[in-house]
């Protein structure tokens, strides 16, 4: 069971919070409800994804890194490039790649032309795991199995406005 899910609540607690904010006369109750909804949806989807990836010994962050490396032309990327593309701190990349390395899914090697960089290279086992995990993610529609493609497009477009305004792309 996914934590925080399956414990049915009879009312929408975010809508209840918005009503309470409105009663108190606090500003930005609509924005609070939207932000809280985004955060809660993130928790739900991430829990579903991590549950689907657990049989492969992966979390979403390790899965993302493994997919990124597997999609590169050479099957290898500098760790700094992984951090840039996944938009995570170098320490997070190091921890993620170290775990993938200890699981035999990638190897770490010195960069052939940049003595300061380390390459993460996907292994044969890593390719098999990423293919199997990706099939599993497709089967659960990345945690969004209860919404259709039209709704998924709407969510992507709506959040794209937020992301663009924040300078995310």
N, C-alpha and C. Protein backbone atom coordinates (compact mmCIF):
# COMPACT_ATOMS: atom_id res chain seq x y z
N UNK A 1 0.84 -1.17 0.00
CA UNK A 1 0.00 0.00 0.00
C UNK A 1 0.89 1.24 0.00
N UNK A 2 0.46 2.28 -0.70
CA UNK A 2 1.20 3.52 -0.77
C UNK A 2 0.89 4.35 0.47
N UNK A 3 1.92 4.85 1.17
CA UNK A 3 1.68 5.63 2.38
C UNK A 3 0.76 6.81 2.10
N UNK A 4 -0.20 7.02 2.99
CA UNK A 4 -1.10 8.14 2.85
C UNK A 4 -2.22 7.91 1.86
N UNK A 5 -2.24 6.73 1.25
CA UNK A 5 -3.30 6.43 0.30
C UNK A 5 -4.00 5.17 0.79
N UNK A 6 -5.24 5.05 0.49
CA UNK A 6 -5.99 3.90 0.97
C UNK A 6 -6.67 4.22 2.29
N UNK A 7 -6.17 5.27 2.97
CA UNK A 7 -6.84 5.76 4.18
C UNK A 7 -7.87 6.77 3.69
N UNK A 8 -9.07 6.28 3.39
CA UNK A 8 -10.10 7.13 2.79
C UNK A 8 -10.51 8.24 3.74
N UNK A 9 -10.55 9.44 3.20
CA UNK A 9 -11.03 10.59 3.94
C UNK A 9 -12.34 11.01 3.29
N UNK A 10 -13.34 11.30 4.11
CA UNK A 10 -14.68 11.59 3.59
C UNK A 10 -14.83 12.97 2.97
N UNK A 11 -13.85 13.84 3.17
CA UNK A 11 -13.97 15.18 2.60
C UNK A 11 -12.61 15.61 2.05
N UNK A 12 -12.64 16.59 1.18
CA UNK A 12 -11.43 17.16 0.61
C UNK A 12 -10.82 18.10 1.64
N UNK A 13 -9.72 17.67 2.23
CA UNK A 13 -9.11 18.45 3.31
C UNK A 13 -8.52 19.77 2.80
N UNK A 14 -8.13 19.81 1.54
CA UNK A 14 -7.60 21.06 0.99
C UNK A 14 -8.74 22.07 0.79
N UNK A 15 -9.88 21.59 0.29
CA UNK A 15 -11.04 22.47 0.16
C UNK A 15 -11.48 22.97 1.53
N UNK A 16 -11.42 22.11 2.51
CA UNK A 16 -11.76 22.50 3.89
C UNK A 16 -10.79 23.57 4.39
N UNK A 17 -9.51 23.40 4.11
CA UNK A 17 -8.52 24.40 4.52
C UNK A 17 -8.81 25.74 3.84
N UNK A 18 -9.17 25.70 2.55
CA UNK A 18 -9.48 26.94 1.83
C UNK A 18 -10.69 27.64 2.46
N UNK A 19 -11.71 26.89 2.79
CA UNK A 19 -12.89 27.48 3.44
C UNK A 19 -12.49 28.14 4.77
N UNK A 20 -11.63 27.49 5.53
CA UNK A 20 -11.18 28.06 6.80
C UNK A 20 -10.36 29.33 6.57
N UNK A 21 -9.50 29.32 5.56
CA UNK A 21 -8.73 30.53 5.23
C UNK A 21 -9.68 31.66 4.86
N UNK A 22 -10.67 31.33 4.01
CA UNK A 22 -11.63 32.35 3.58
C UNK A 22 -12.40 32.91 4.79
N UNK A 23 -12.82 32.05 5.71
CA UNK A 23 -13.53 32.50 6.91
C UNK A 23 -12.68 33.44 7.76
N UNK A 24 -11.37 33.15 7.81
CA UNK A 24 -10.45 34.00 8.59
C UNK A 24 -10.10 35.29 7.85
N UNK A 25 -10.42 35.33 6.56
CA UNK A 25 -10.09 36.53 5.79
C UNK A 25 -8.63 36.59 5.38
N UNK A 26 -7.93 35.45 5.41
CA UNK A 26 -6.53 35.43 5.01
C UNK A 26 -6.42 35.55 3.50
N UNK A 27 -5.38 36.23 3.06
CA UNK A 27 -5.14 36.42 1.63
C UNK A 27 -4.66 35.14 0.96
N UNK A 28 -4.87 35.09 -0.32
CA UNK A 28 -4.30 34.05 -1.20
C UNK A 28 -4.81 32.65 -0.89
N UNK A 29 -6.06 32.53 -0.46
CA UNK A 29 -6.58 31.20 -0.15
C UNK A 29 -6.64 30.31 -1.40
N UNK A 30 -6.95 30.91 -2.55
CA UNK A 30 -7.00 30.12 -3.79
C UNK A 30 -5.60 29.63 -4.17
N UNK A 31 -4.62 30.51 -4.05
CA UNK A 31 -3.24 30.11 -4.34
C UNK A 31 -2.75 29.06 -3.35
N UNK A 32 -3.12 29.22 -2.06
CA UNK A 32 -2.75 28.21 -1.05
C UNK A 32 -3.34 26.86 -1.43
N UNK A 33 -4.61 26.85 -1.84
CA UNK A 33 -5.25 25.58 -2.20
C UNK A 33 -4.59 24.97 -3.43
N UNK A 34 -4.23 25.80 -4.40
CA UNK A 34 -3.56 25.29 -5.60
C UNK A 34 -2.19 24.72 -5.25
N UNK A 35 -1.41 25.47 -4.47
CA UNK A 35 -0.07 25.01 -4.09
C UNK A 35 -0.14 23.73 -3.27
N UNK A 36 -1.08 23.68 -2.34
CA UNK A 36 -1.23 22.48 -1.52
C UNK A 36 -1.70 21.30 -2.36
N UNK A 37 -2.55 21.54 -3.32
CA UNK A 37 -3.01 20.48 -4.23
C UNK A 37 -1.85 19.94 -5.05
N UNK A 38 -1.01 20.83 -5.57
CA UNK A 38 0.16 20.40 -6.34
C UNK A 38 1.08 19.56 -5.47
N UNK A 39 1.33 20.03 -4.26
CA UNK A 39 2.22 19.31 -3.35
C UNK A 39 1.64 17.93 -3.01
N UNK A 40 0.36 17.86 -2.71
CA UNK A 40 -0.26 16.58 -2.37
C UNK A 40 -0.26 15.65 -3.57
N UNK A 41 -0.57 16.18 -4.76
CA UNK A 41 -0.54 15.35 -5.97
C UNK A 41 0.87 14.80 -6.19
N UNK A 42 1.89 15.63 -5.96
CA UNK A 42 3.27 15.18 -6.09
C UNK A 42 3.55 14.01 -5.14
N UNK A 43 3.10 14.14 -3.90
CA UNK A 43 3.30 13.06 -2.92
C UNK A 43 2.64 11.76 -3.38
N UNK A 44 1.42 11.88 -3.88
CA UNK A 44 0.67 10.69 -4.32
C UNK A 44 1.36 10.04 -5.51
N UNK A 45 1.69 10.83 -6.52
CA UNK A 45 2.30 10.28 -7.73
C UNK A 45 3.68 9.69 -7.42
N UNK A 46 4.48 10.40 -6.64
CA UNK A 46 5.81 9.90 -6.32
C UNK A 46 5.73 8.60 -5.53
N UNK A 47 4.79 8.50 -4.60
CA UNK A 47 4.63 7.26 -3.84
C UNK A 47 4.24 6.11 -4.77
N UNK A 48 3.34 6.37 -5.71
CA UNK A 48 2.94 5.32 -6.66
C UNK A 48 4.11 4.89 -7.54
N UNK A 49 4.87 5.87 -8.02
CA UNK A 49 6.04 5.56 -8.86
C UNK A 49 7.05 4.74 -8.07
N UNK A 50 7.39 5.20 -6.86
CA UNK A 50 8.38 4.47 -6.06
C UNK A 50 7.90 3.06 -5.73
N UNK A 51 6.60 2.90 -5.51
CA UNK A 51 6.06 1.56 -5.26
C UNK A 51 6.24 0.69 -6.51
N UNK A 52 6.01 1.25 -7.69
CA UNK A 52 6.19 0.50 -8.93
C UNK A 52 7.64 0.18 -9.23
N UNK A 53 8.55 1.02 -8.76
CA UNK A 53 9.98 0.81 -9.02
C UNK A 53 10.66 -0.07 -7.97
N UNK A 54 10.02 -0.24 -6.82
CA UNK A 54 10.63 -1.00 -5.72
C UNK A 54 11.08 -2.40 -6.12
N UNK A 55 10.31 -3.16 -6.94
CA UNK A 55 10.78 -4.49 -7.31
C UNK A 55 12.10 -4.49 -8.08
N UNK A 56 12.48 -3.33 -8.62
CA UNK A 56 13.73 -3.22 -9.38
C UNK A 56 14.85 -2.62 -8.54
N UNK A 57 14.57 -2.39 -7.26
CA UNK A 57 15.57 -1.80 -6.38
C UNK A 57 15.83 -0.34 -6.70
N UNK A 58 14.85 0.33 -7.31
CA UNK A 58 15.02 1.72 -7.72
C UNK A 58 14.05 2.64 -6.99
N UNK A 59 14.48 3.88 -6.85
CA UNK A 59 13.60 4.98 -6.50
C UNK A 59 13.46 5.82 -7.76
N UNK A 60 12.57 6.79 -7.73
CA UNK A 60 12.39 7.61 -8.93
C UNK A 60 13.66 8.35 -9.30
N UNK A 61 14.39 8.87 -8.32
CA UNK A 61 15.62 9.60 -8.63
C UNK A 61 16.66 8.68 -9.28
N UNK A 62 16.79 7.46 -8.80
CA UNK A 62 17.74 6.52 -9.42
C UNK A 62 17.25 6.11 -10.80
N UNK A 63 15.94 5.92 -10.94
CA UNK A 63 15.36 5.58 -12.24
C UNK A 63 15.62 6.70 -13.25
N UNK A 64 15.38 7.95 -12.85
CA UNK A 64 15.61 9.08 -13.75
C UNK A 64 17.05 9.12 -14.24
N UNK A 65 17.99 8.95 -13.32
CA UNK A 65 19.41 8.97 -13.69
C UNK A 65 19.74 7.82 -14.63
N UNK A 66 19.23 6.64 -14.34
CA UNK A 66 19.50 5.47 -15.18
C UNK A 66 18.91 5.66 -16.57
N UNK A 67 17.70 6.19 -16.66
CA UNK A 67 17.09 6.46 -17.97
C UNK A 67 17.92 7.47 -18.73
N UNK A 68 18.30 8.56 -18.07
CA UNK A 68 19.09 9.60 -18.71
C UNK A 68 20.38 9.03 -19.30
N UNK A 69 21.08 8.24 -18.53
CA UNK A 69 22.33 7.65 -19.01
C UNK A 69 22.05 6.68 -20.16
N UNK A 70 20.98 5.89 -20.04
CA UNK A 70 20.67 4.91 -21.09
C UNK A 70 20.30 5.58 -22.40
N UNK A 71 19.75 6.78 -22.35
CA UNK A 71 19.35 7.48 -23.56
C UNK A 71 20.48 8.27 -24.21
N UNK A 72 21.60 8.39 -23.54
CA UNK A 72 22.73 9.12 -24.12
C UNK A 72 23.35 8.30 -25.25
N UNK A 73 23.97 8.98 -26.19
CA UNK A 73 24.55 8.30 -27.37
C UNK A 73 25.54 7.22 -26.99
N UNK A 74 26.36 7.51 -26.01
CA UNK A 74 27.43 6.59 -25.63
C UNK A 74 27.05 5.67 -24.46
N UNK A 75 25.88 5.90 -23.86
CA UNK A 75 25.53 5.15 -22.67
C UNK A 75 26.34 5.59 -21.47
N UNK A 76 26.86 6.82 -21.55
CA UNK A 76 27.68 7.36 -20.47
C UNK A 76 27.51 8.88 -20.46
N UNK A 77 27.53 9.43 -19.26
CA UNK A 77 27.45 10.88 -19.10
C UNK A 77 28.33 11.31 -17.94
N UNK A 78 28.93 12.51 -18.05
CA UNK A 78 29.63 13.06 -16.90
C UNK A 78 28.63 13.32 -15.78
N UNK A 79 29.06 13.12 -14.56
CA UNK A 79 28.16 13.30 -13.42
C UNK A 79 27.64 14.73 -13.34
N UNK A 80 28.46 15.71 -13.70
CA UNK A 80 28.01 17.09 -13.71
C UNK A 80 26.87 17.31 -14.70
N UNK A 81 26.94 16.68 -15.85
CA UNK A 81 25.89 16.79 -16.86
C UNK A 81 24.60 16.14 -16.35
N UNK A 82 24.72 15.04 -15.63
CA UNK A 82 23.54 14.38 -15.06
C UNK A 82 22.84 15.36 -14.10
N UNK A 83 23.60 16.02 -13.26
CA UNK A 83 23.03 16.99 -12.33
C UNK A 83 22.33 18.13 -13.05
N UNK A 84 22.95 18.64 -14.12
CA UNK A 84 22.35 19.73 -14.90
C UNK A 84 21.02 19.28 -15.52
N UNK A 85 21.03 18.13 -16.12
CA UNK A 85 19.84 17.66 -16.83
C UNK A 85 18.71 17.29 -15.88
N UNK A 86 19.05 16.74 -14.73
CA UNK A 86 18.02 16.37 -13.76
C UNK A 86 17.71 17.51 -12.80
N UNK A 87 18.49 18.58 -12.89
CA UNK A 87 18.32 19.77 -12.06
C UNK A 87 18.39 19.43 -10.57
N UNK A 88 19.45 18.71 -10.22
CA UNK A 88 19.66 18.35 -8.82
C UNK A 88 21.08 18.73 -8.40
N UNK A 89 21.28 18.83 -7.12
CA UNK A 89 22.56 19.21 -6.52
C UNK A 89 23.60 18.12 -6.79
N UNK A 90 24.87 18.52 -6.99
CA UNK A 90 25.93 17.52 -7.22
C UNK A 90 25.99 16.41 -6.16
N UNK A 91 25.72 16.75 -4.91
CA UNK A 91 25.75 15.73 -3.86
C UNK A 91 24.68 14.67 -4.12
N UNK A 92 23.51 15.10 -4.57
CA UNK A 92 22.44 14.14 -4.88
C UNK A 92 22.84 13.23 -6.03
N UNK A 93 23.51 13.80 -7.04
CA UNK A 93 23.97 12.99 -8.16
C UNK A 93 24.98 11.97 -7.67
N UNK A 94 25.93 12.40 -6.85
CA UNK A 94 26.95 11.48 -6.33
C UNK A 94 26.29 10.33 -5.57
N UNK A 95 25.36 10.65 -4.69
CA UNK A 95 24.67 9.60 -3.92
C UNK A 95 23.90 8.65 -4.83
N UNK A 96 23.21 9.21 -5.81
CA UNK A 96 22.43 8.39 -6.75
C UNK A 96 23.32 7.48 -7.56
N UNK A 97 24.37 8.03 -8.12
CA UNK A 97 25.28 7.23 -8.97
C UNK A 97 26.03 6.21 -8.12
N UNK A 98 26.43 6.57 -6.92
CA UNK A 98 27.09 5.60 -6.05
C UNK A 98 26.19 4.40 -5.77
N UNK A 99 24.91 4.65 -5.55
CA UNK A 99 23.97 3.56 -5.29
C UNK A 99 23.79 2.70 -6.54
N UNK A 100 23.64 3.35 -7.71
CA UNK A 100 23.51 2.59 -8.96
C UNK A 100 24.77 1.78 -9.24
N UNK A 101 25.92 2.33 -8.90
CA UNK A 101 27.19 1.63 -9.07
C UNK A 101 27.26 0.42 -8.14
N UNK A 102 26.88 0.61 -6.88
CA UNK A 102 26.93 -0.51 -5.94
C UNK A 102 25.95 -1.61 -6.31
N UNK A 103 24.87 -1.24 -7.03
CA UNK A 103 23.90 -2.24 -7.50
C UNK A 103 24.29 -2.86 -8.84
N UNK A 104 25.43 -2.42 -9.40
CA UNK A 104 25.91 -2.99 -10.66
C UNK A 104 25.16 -2.49 -11.89
N UNK A 105 24.46 -1.35 -11.75
CA UNK A 105 23.68 -0.82 -12.87
C UNK A 105 24.46 0.19 -13.70
N UNK A 106 25.43 0.83 -13.08
CA UNK A 106 26.36 1.73 -13.77
C UNK A 106 27.76 1.48 -13.23
N UNK A 107 28.72 1.97 -13.98
CA UNK A 107 30.09 2.02 -13.48
C UNK A 107 30.53 3.46 -13.50
N UNK A 108 31.48 3.79 -12.63
CA UNK A 108 32.06 5.13 -12.62
C UNK A 108 33.47 5.00 -13.17
N UNK A 109 33.79 5.90 -14.09
CA UNK A 109 35.10 5.88 -14.73
C UNK A 109 35.61 7.30 -14.86
N UNK A 110 36.93 7.44 -14.90
CA UNK A 110 37.51 8.76 -15.16
C UNK A 110 37.15 9.18 -16.58
N UNK A 111 36.85 10.45 -16.75
CA UNK A 111 36.54 10.99 -18.07
C UNK A 111 37.82 10.94 -18.91
N UNK A 112 37.75 10.47 -20.15
CA UNK A 112 38.98 10.31 -20.95
C UNK A 112 39.68 11.62 -21.32
N UNK A 113 38.95 12.74 -21.37
CA UNK A 113 39.58 14.00 -21.79
C UNK A 113 39.50 15.09 -20.73
N UNK A 114 38.72 14.90 -19.68
CA UNK A 114 38.58 15.90 -18.63
C UNK A 114 38.92 15.25 -17.30
N UNK A 115 40.12 15.51 -16.83
CA UNK A 115 40.60 14.88 -15.61
C UNK A 115 39.80 15.22 -14.37
N UNK A 116 38.97 16.27 -14.45
CA UNK A 116 38.17 16.67 -13.29
C UNK A 116 36.83 15.95 -13.24
N UNK A 117 36.44 15.32 -14.35
CA UNK A 117 35.09 14.75 -14.45
C UNK A 117 35.10 13.24 -14.30
N UNK A 118 33.97 12.73 -13.83
CA UNK A 118 33.74 11.29 -13.72
C UNK A 118 32.56 10.94 -14.60
N UNK A 119 32.70 9.87 -15.37
CA UNK A 119 31.62 9.38 -16.22
C UNK A 119 30.84 8.29 -15.50
N UNK A 120 29.54 8.33 -15.64
CA UNK A 120 28.69 7.23 -15.19
C UNK A 120 28.27 6.50 -16.47
N UNK A 121 28.58 5.21 -16.52
CA UNK A 121 28.32 4.40 -17.72
C UNK A 121 27.36 3.28 -17.36
N UNK A 122 26.31 3.14 -18.15
CA UNK A 122 25.33 2.09 -17.87
C UNK A 122 25.91 0.72 -18.21
N UNK A 123 25.60 -0.26 -17.40
CA UNK A 123 26.05 -1.63 -17.63
C UNK A 123 24.96 -2.40 -18.38
N UNK A 124 25.30 -3.59 -18.81
CA UNK A 124 24.30 -4.46 -19.45
C UNK A 124 23.14 -4.72 -18.49
N UNK A 125 23.47 -5.01 -17.24
CA UNK A 125 22.42 -5.21 -16.23
C UNK A 125 21.58 -3.95 -16.08
N UNK A 126 22.22 -2.79 -16.11
CA UNK A 126 21.50 -1.52 -16.00
C UNK A 126 20.53 -1.32 -17.14
N UNK A 127 20.94 -1.69 -18.36
CA UNK A 127 20.04 -1.57 -19.52
C UNK A 127 18.83 -2.49 -19.36
N UNK A 128 19.07 -3.70 -18.87
CA UNK A 128 17.96 -4.64 -18.66
C UNK A 128 16.99 -4.10 -17.60
N UNK A 129 17.54 -3.58 -16.51
CA UNK A 129 16.70 -3.05 -15.44
C UNK A 129 15.93 -1.84 -15.92
N UNK A 130 16.57 -0.93 -16.65
CA UNK A 130 15.86 0.27 -17.10
C UNK A 130 14.74 -0.12 -18.08
N UNK A 131 14.98 -1.10 -18.93
CA UNK A 131 13.92 -1.55 -19.86
C UNK A 131 12.75 -2.15 -19.09
N UNK A 132 13.04 -3.02 -18.13
CA UNK A 132 11.98 -3.66 -17.35
C UNK A 132 11.24 -2.64 -16.48
N UNK A 133 11.98 -1.73 -15.85
CA UNK A 133 11.36 -0.72 -14.99
C UNK A 133 10.51 0.24 -15.82
N UNK A 134 10.97 0.56 -17.02
CA UNK A 134 10.20 1.46 -17.89
C UNK A 134 8.90 0.79 -18.33
N UNK A 135 8.95 -0.49 -18.60
CA UNK A 135 7.72 -1.22 -18.93
C UNK A 135 6.76 -1.19 -17.75
N UNK A 136 7.29 -1.36 -16.54
CA UNK A 136 6.44 -1.32 -15.34
C UNK A 136 5.86 0.07 -15.14
N UNK A 137 6.64 1.11 -15.41
CA UNK A 137 6.13 2.48 -15.27
C UNK A 137 5.05 2.75 -16.32
N UNK A 138 5.24 2.23 -17.51
CA UNK A 138 4.21 2.38 -18.54
C UNK A 138 2.92 1.69 -18.13
N UNK A 139 3.04 0.54 -17.51
CA UNK A 139 1.86 -0.22 -17.09
C UNK A 139 1.04 0.53 -16.05
N UNK A 140 1.70 1.32 -15.21
CA UNK A 140 0.97 2.10 -14.21
C UNK A 140 0.85 3.57 -14.63
N UNK A 141 1.21 3.84 -15.87
CA UNK A 141 1.15 5.20 -16.43
C UNK A 141 1.81 6.21 -15.50
N UNK A 142 2.98 5.82 -15.01
CA UNK A 142 3.77 6.69 -14.13
C UNK A 142 2.94 7.24 -12.97
N UNK A 143 2.11 6.37 -12.40
CA UNK A 143 1.32 6.75 -11.24
C UNK A 143 0.05 7.50 -11.58
N UNK A 144 -0.23 7.66 -12.86
CA UNK A 144 -1.40 8.42 -13.30
C UNK A 144 -2.43 7.55 -13.99
N UNK A 145 -2.55 6.30 -13.56
CA UNK A 145 -3.44 5.36 -14.23
C UNK A 145 -4.91 5.73 -14.12
N UNK A 146 -5.25 6.62 -13.19
CA UNK A 146 -6.66 6.97 -13.04
C UNK A 146 -7.05 8.26 -13.78
N UNK A 147 -6.15 8.77 -14.63
CA UNK A 147 -6.51 9.90 -15.49
C UNK A 147 -6.20 9.55 -16.94
N UNK A 148 -6.96 10.14 -17.86
CA UNK A 148 -6.75 9.86 -19.28
C UNK A 148 -5.70 10.80 -19.87
N UNK A 149 -5.35 10.55 -21.13
CA UNK A 149 -4.32 11.36 -21.78
C UNK A 149 -4.72 12.83 -21.92
N UNK A 150 -6.01 13.09 -22.18
CA UNK A 150 -6.45 14.49 -22.31
C UNK A 150 -6.22 15.24 -21.01
N UNK A 151 -6.53 14.61 -19.89
CA UNK A 151 -6.31 15.24 -18.59
C UNK A 151 -4.81 15.39 -18.32
N UNK A 152 -4.04 14.38 -18.68
CA UNK A 152 -2.58 14.47 -18.51
C UNK A 152 -2.01 15.63 -19.32
N UNK A 153 -2.50 15.82 -20.54
CA UNK A 153 -2.07 16.97 -21.36
C UNK A 153 -2.43 18.28 -20.67
N UNK A 154 -3.63 18.38 -20.13
CA UNK A 154 -4.06 19.60 -19.43
C UNK A 154 -3.16 19.90 -18.25
N UNK A 155 -2.84 18.86 -17.49
CA UNK A 155 -1.96 19.05 -16.33
C UNK A 155 -0.58 19.53 -16.79
N UNK A 156 -0.04 18.89 -17.81
CA UNK A 156 1.27 19.28 -18.33
C UNK A 156 1.26 20.72 -18.82
N UNK A 157 0.22 21.09 -19.56
CA UNK A 157 0.13 22.46 -20.08
C UNK A 157 -0.02 23.47 -18.95
N UNK A 158 -0.87 23.17 -17.99
CA UNK A 158 -1.10 24.10 -16.87
C UNK A 158 0.17 24.27 -16.05
N UNK A 159 0.83 23.18 -15.72
CA UNK A 159 2.06 23.28 -14.94
C UNK A 159 3.19 23.89 -15.77
N UNK A 160 3.10 23.75 -17.09
CA UNK A 160 4.08 24.39 -17.98
C UNK A 160 4.06 25.90 -17.83
N UNK A 161 2.89 26.48 -17.62
CA UNK A 161 2.78 27.92 -17.41
C UNK A 161 3.55 28.32 -16.15
N UNK A 162 3.34 27.57 -15.08
CA UNK A 162 4.05 27.82 -13.82
C UNK A 162 5.55 27.66 -14.01
N UNK A 163 5.94 26.57 -14.65
CA UNK A 163 7.37 26.29 -14.84
C UNK A 163 8.04 27.37 -15.69
N UNK A 164 7.37 27.78 -16.75
CA UNK A 164 7.92 28.82 -17.63
C UNK A 164 8.07 30.15 -16.88
N UNK A 165 7.03 30.52 -16.13
CA UNK A 165 7.07 31.77 -15.37
C UNK A 165 8.20 31.77 -14.35
N UNK A 166 8.54 30.59 -13.84
CA UNK A 166 9.62 30.46 -12.87
C UNK A 166 10.99 30.37 -13.52
N UNK A 167 11.02 30.38 -14.86
CA UNK A 167 12.30 30.30 -15.56
C UNK A 167 12.84 28.89 -15.67
N UNK A 168 11.98 27.89 -15.51
CA UNK A 168 12.42 26.49 -15.57
C UNK A 168 12.83 26.09 -16.98
N UNK A 169 12.31 26.79 -17.97
CA UNK A 169 12.74 26.56 -19.37
C UNK A 169 12.55 27.84 -20.16
